[in-house]
Amino acid sequence: MKNIQDIFNRLQEKKHQVNVVRKKFREELAASGEYQRIIEDIERLREKKKRHELAVRSQSEAAFARIDELALAIRQDTQLISDLALTSIMKGEPVAVKDQQSDYEPVFTVRFRRSH
């Protein structure tokens, strides 16, 4: 097996290279007059879209309040199902759920974050 540190170093170098290329690309776009005009048009259209969405939303406040309540309940249930699945796996129990068409099994990932 390869050394984790070597792979991590290689990954960091590739991420750095991607950032360098993206920075160059952004600089080239910033120098383009046509691109700047397109960006201004997009911003103007976004504002128009936002005004229209707010007008429609103000006409249907009860429905949007229900959407917000449901979104919170979904986040809470998602956290609960994750906690229950992890607890079951730690006990050595199999974990799977089904809907009308498919079976689902849990997927876990390992991520690294910078320690302080």
C-alpha atoms as a PDB file:
ATOM      1  CA  MET A   1       0.000   0.000   0.000  1.00  0.00           C
ATOM      2  CA  LYS A   2       1.194   3.482  -0.774  1.00  0.00           C
ATOM      3  CA  ASN A   3       2.103   5.906   1.943  1.00  0.00           C
ATOM      4  CA  ILE A   4      -0.847   8.148   2.838  1.00  0.00           C
ATOM      5  CA  GLN A   5       1.427  11.187   3.191  1.00  0.00           C
ATOM      6  CA  ASP A   6       2.849  10.696  -0.330  1.00  0.00           C
ATOM      7  CA  ILE A   7      -0.637  10.482  -1.804  1.00  0.00           C
ATOM      8  CA  PHE A   8      -1.739  13.522   0.215  1.00  0.00           C
ATOM      9  CA  ASN A   9       1.253  15.526  -1.055  1.00  0.00           C
ATOM     10  CA  ARG A  10       0.484  14.505  -4.639  1.00  0.00           C
ATOM     11  CA  LEU A  11      -3.141  15.511  -4.154  1.00  0.00           C
ATOM     12  CA  GLN A  12      -2.147  18.912  -2.756  1.00  0.00           C
ATOM     13  CA  GLU A  13       0.162  19.554  -5.736  1.00  0.00           C
ATOM     14  CA  LYS A  14      -2.612  18.693  -8.211  1.00  0.00           C
ATOM     15  CA  LYS A  15      -5.030  20.997  -6.390  1.00  0.00           C
ATOM     16  CA  HIS A  16      -2.424  23.775  -6.573  1.00  0.00           C
ATOM     17  CA  GLN A  17      -2.019  23.238 -10.317  1.00  0.00           C
ATOM     18  CA  VAL A  18      -5.792  23.427 -10.815  1.00  0.00           C
ATOM     19  CA  ASN A  19      -5.892  26.693  -8.865  1.00  0.00           C
ATOM     20  CA  VAL A  20      -3.119  28.190 -10.993  1.00  0.00           C
ATOM     21  CA  VAL A  21      -4.945  27.328 -14.223  1.00  0.00           C
ATOM     22  CA  ARG A  22      -8.276  28.636 -12.867  1.00  0.00           C
ATOM     23  CA  LYS A  23      -6.631  31.912 -11.808  1.00  0.00           C
ATOM     24  CA  LYS A  24      -5.172  32.385 -15.290  1.00  0.00           C
ATOM     25  CA  PHE A  25      -8.562  31.639 -16.830  1.00  0.00           C
ATOM     26  CA  ARG A  26     -10.307  34.205 -14.566  1.00  0.00           C
ATOM     27  CA  GLU A  27      -7.687  36.822 -15.456  1.00  0.00           C
ATOM     28  CA  GLU A  28      -8.273  36.234 -19.172  1.00  0.00           C
ATOM     29  CA  LEU A  29     -12.030  36.542 -18.699  1.00  0.00           C
ATOM     30  CA  ALA A  30     -11.628  39.755 -16.696  1.00  0.00           C
ATOM     31  CA  ALA A  31      -9.672  41.267 -19.584  1.00  0.00           C
ATOM     32  CA  SER A  32     -12.478  40.515 -22.053  1.00  0.00           C
ATOM     33  CA  GLY A  33     -14.883  43.414 -22.680  1.00  0.00           C
ATOM     34  CA  GLU A  34     -17.544  41.132 -24.148  1.00  0.00           C
ATOM     35  CA  TYR A  35     -17.427  38.944 -21.043  1.00  0.00           C
ATOM     36  CA  GLN A  36     -17.892  41.994 -18.807  1.00  0.00           C
ATOM     37  CA  ARG A  37     -20.979  43.050 -20.786  1.00  0.00           C
ATOM     38  CA  ILE A  38     -22.422  39.543 -20.459  1.00  0.00           C
ATOM     39  CA  ILE A  39     -21.813  39.607 -16.693  1.00  0.00           C
ATOM     40  CA  GLU A  40     -23.650  42.946 -16.429  1.00  0.00           C
ATOM     41  CA  ASP A  41     -26.592  41.525 -18.415  1.00  0.00           C
ATOM     42  CA  ILE A  42     -26.708  38.475 -16.159  1.00  0.00           C
ATOM     43  CA  GLU A  43     -26.745  40.643 -13.025  1.00  0.00           C
ATOM     44  CA  ARG A  44     -29.577  42.758 -14.426  1.00  0.00           C
ATOM     45  CA  LEU A  45     -31.593  39.633 -15.287  1.00  0.00           C
ATOM     46  CA  ARG A  46     -30.917  38.131 -11.837  1.00  0.00           C
ATOM     47  CA  GLU A  47     -32.354  41.227 -10.194  1.00  0.00           C
ATOM     48  CA  LYS A  48     -35.403  41.081 -12.444  1.00  0.00           C
ATOM     49  CA  LYS A  49     -35.855  37.380 -11.650  1.00  0.00           C
ATOM     50  CA  LYS A  50     -35.515  38.031  -7.914  1.00  0.00           C
ATOM     51  CA  ARG A  51     -38.144  40.800  -8.011  1.00  0.00           C
ATOM     52  CA  HIS A  52     -40.538  38.493  -9.854  1.00  0.00           C
ATOM     53  CA  GLU A  53     -39.926  35.615  -7.410  1.00  0.00           C
ATOM     54  CA  LEU A  54     -40.531  37.906  -4.418  1.00  0.00           C
ATOM     55  CA  ALA A  55     -43.793  39.136  -5.929  1.00  0.00           C
ATOM     56  CA  VAL A  56     -45.035  35.571  -6.438  1.00  0.00           C
ATOM     57  CA  ARG A  57     -43.789  34.498  -3.013  1.00  0.00           C
ATOM     58  CA  SER A  58     -45.629  37.349  -1.288  1.00  0.00           C
ATOM     59  CA  GLN A  59     -48.868  36.131  -2.901  1.00  0.00           C
ATOM     60  CA  SER A  60     -48.369  32.578  -1.556  1.00  0.00           C
ATOM     61  CA  GLU A  61     -46.767  33.075   1.851  1.00  0.00           C
ATOM     62  CA  ALA A  62     -48.533  30.123   3.501  1.00  0.00           C
ATOM     63  CA  ALA A  63     -47.266  27.675   0.884  1.00  0.00           C
ATOM     64  CA  PHE A  64     -43.699  28.936   1.188  1.00  0.00           C
ATOM     65  CA  ALA A  65     -43.866  28.806   4.984  1.00  0.00           C
ATOM     66  CA  ARG A  66     -44.865  25.141   4.633  1.00  0.00           C
ATOM     67  CA  ILE A  67     -41.897  24.549   2.323  1.00  0.00           C
ATOM     68  CA  ASP A  68     -39.565  26.034   4.940  1.00  0.00           C
ATOM     69  CA  GLU A  69     -41.084  23.823   7.662  1.00  0.00           C
ATOM     70  CA  LEU A  70     -40.719  20.734   5.482  1.00  0.00           C
ATOM     71  CA  ALA A  71     -37.109  21.608   4.591  1.00  0.00           C
ATOM     72  CA  LEU A  72     -36.250  21.807   8.300  1.00  0.00           C
ATOM     73  CA  ALA A  73     -38.005  18.496   8.988  1.00  0.00           C
ATOM     74  CA  ILE A  74     -36.122  16.866   6.094  1.00  0.00           C
ATOM     75  CA  ARG A  75     -32.753  18.069   7.454  1.00  0.00           C
ATOM     76  CA  GLN A  76     -33.634  16.766  10.913  1.00  0.00           C
ATOM     77  CA  ASP A  77     -34.782  13.364   9.603  1.00  0.00           C
ATOM     78  CA  THR A  78     -31.688  13.096   7.400  1.00  0.00           C
ATOM     79  CA  GLN A  79     -29.471  13.654  10.440  1.00  0.00           C
ATOM     80  CA  LEU A  80     -31.520  11.139  12.444  1.00  0.00           C
ATOM     81  CA  ILE A  81     -31.281   8.426   9.775  1.00  0.00           C
ATOM     82  CA  SER A  82     -27.517   8.990   9.518  1.00  0.00           C
ATOM     83  CA  ASP A  83     -27.116   8.697  13.277  1.00  0.00           C
ATOM     84  CA  LEU A  84     -29.217   5.528  13.410  1.00  0.00           C
ATOM     85  CA  ALA A  85     -27.334   3.946  10.500  1.00  0.00           C
ATOM     86  CA  LEU A  86     -23.964   4.689  12.087  1.00  0.00           C
ATOM     87  CA  THR A  87     -25.125   3.273  15.431  1.00  0.00           C
ATOM     88  CA  SER A  88     -26.398   0.112  13.736  1.00  0.00           C
ATOM     89  CA  ILE A  89     -23.152  -0.382  11.816  1.00  0.00           C
ATOM     90  CA  MET A  90     -21.109   0.096  14.971  1.00  0.00           C
ATOM     91  CA  LYS A  91     -23.203  -2.695  16.561  1.00  0.00           C
ATOM     92  CA  GLY A  92     -22.443  -4.915  13.560  1.00  0.00           C
ATOM     93  CA  GLU A  93     -26.017  -4.890  12.307  1.00  0.00           C
ATOM     94  CA  PRO A  94     -26.751  -4.698   8.566  1.00  0.00           C
ATOM     95  CA  VAL A  95     -28.252  -1.413   7.365  1.00  0.00           C
ATOM     96  CA  ALA A  96     -30.414  -0.963   4.277  1.00  0.00           C
ATOM     97  CA  VAL A  97     -33.612   0.840   3.337  1.00  0.00           C
ATOM     98  CA  LYS A  98     -36.011   0.464   0.418  1.00  0.00           C
ATOM     99  CA  ASP A  99     -38.429   2.577  -1.543  1.00  0.00           C
ATOM    100  CA  GLN A 100     -40.861   1.437  -4.243  1.00  0.00           C
ATOM    101  CA  GLN A 101     -38.163   0.956  -6.893  1.00  0.00           C
ATOM    102  CA  SER A 102     -34.760   0.597  -5.255  1.00  0.00           C
ATOM    103  CA  ASP A 103     -32.752  -0.586  -2.300  1.00  0.00           C
ATOM    104  CA  TYR A 104     -30.360   1.800  -0.567  1.00  0.00           C
ATOM    105  CA  GLU A 105     -27.319   1.120   1.546  1.00  0.00           C
ATOM    106  CA  PRO A 106     -25.264   3.610   3.535  1.00  0.00           C
ATOM    107  CA  VAL A 107     -22.137   5.197   2.109  1.00  0.00           C
ATOM    108  CA  PHE A 108     -19.475   6.590   4.401  1.00  0.00           C
ATOM    109  CA  THR A 109     -16.545   8.767   3.459  1.00  0.00           C
ATOM    110  CA  VAL A 110     -13.356   9.909   5.150  1.00  0.00           C
ATOM    111  CA  ARG A 111     -12.335  13.517   4.745  1.00  0.00           C
ATOM    112  CA  PHE A 112      -9.345  15.328   6.133  1.00  0.00           C
ATOM    113  CA  ARG A 113      -9.560  18.814   7.534  1.00  0.00           C
ATOM    114  CA  ARG A 114      -6.802  21.061   8.690  1.00  0.00           C
ATOM    115  CA  SER A 115      -6.153  20.679  12.403  1.00  0.00           C
ATOM    116  CA  HIS A 116      -5.500  23.807  14.406  1.00  0.00           C
END
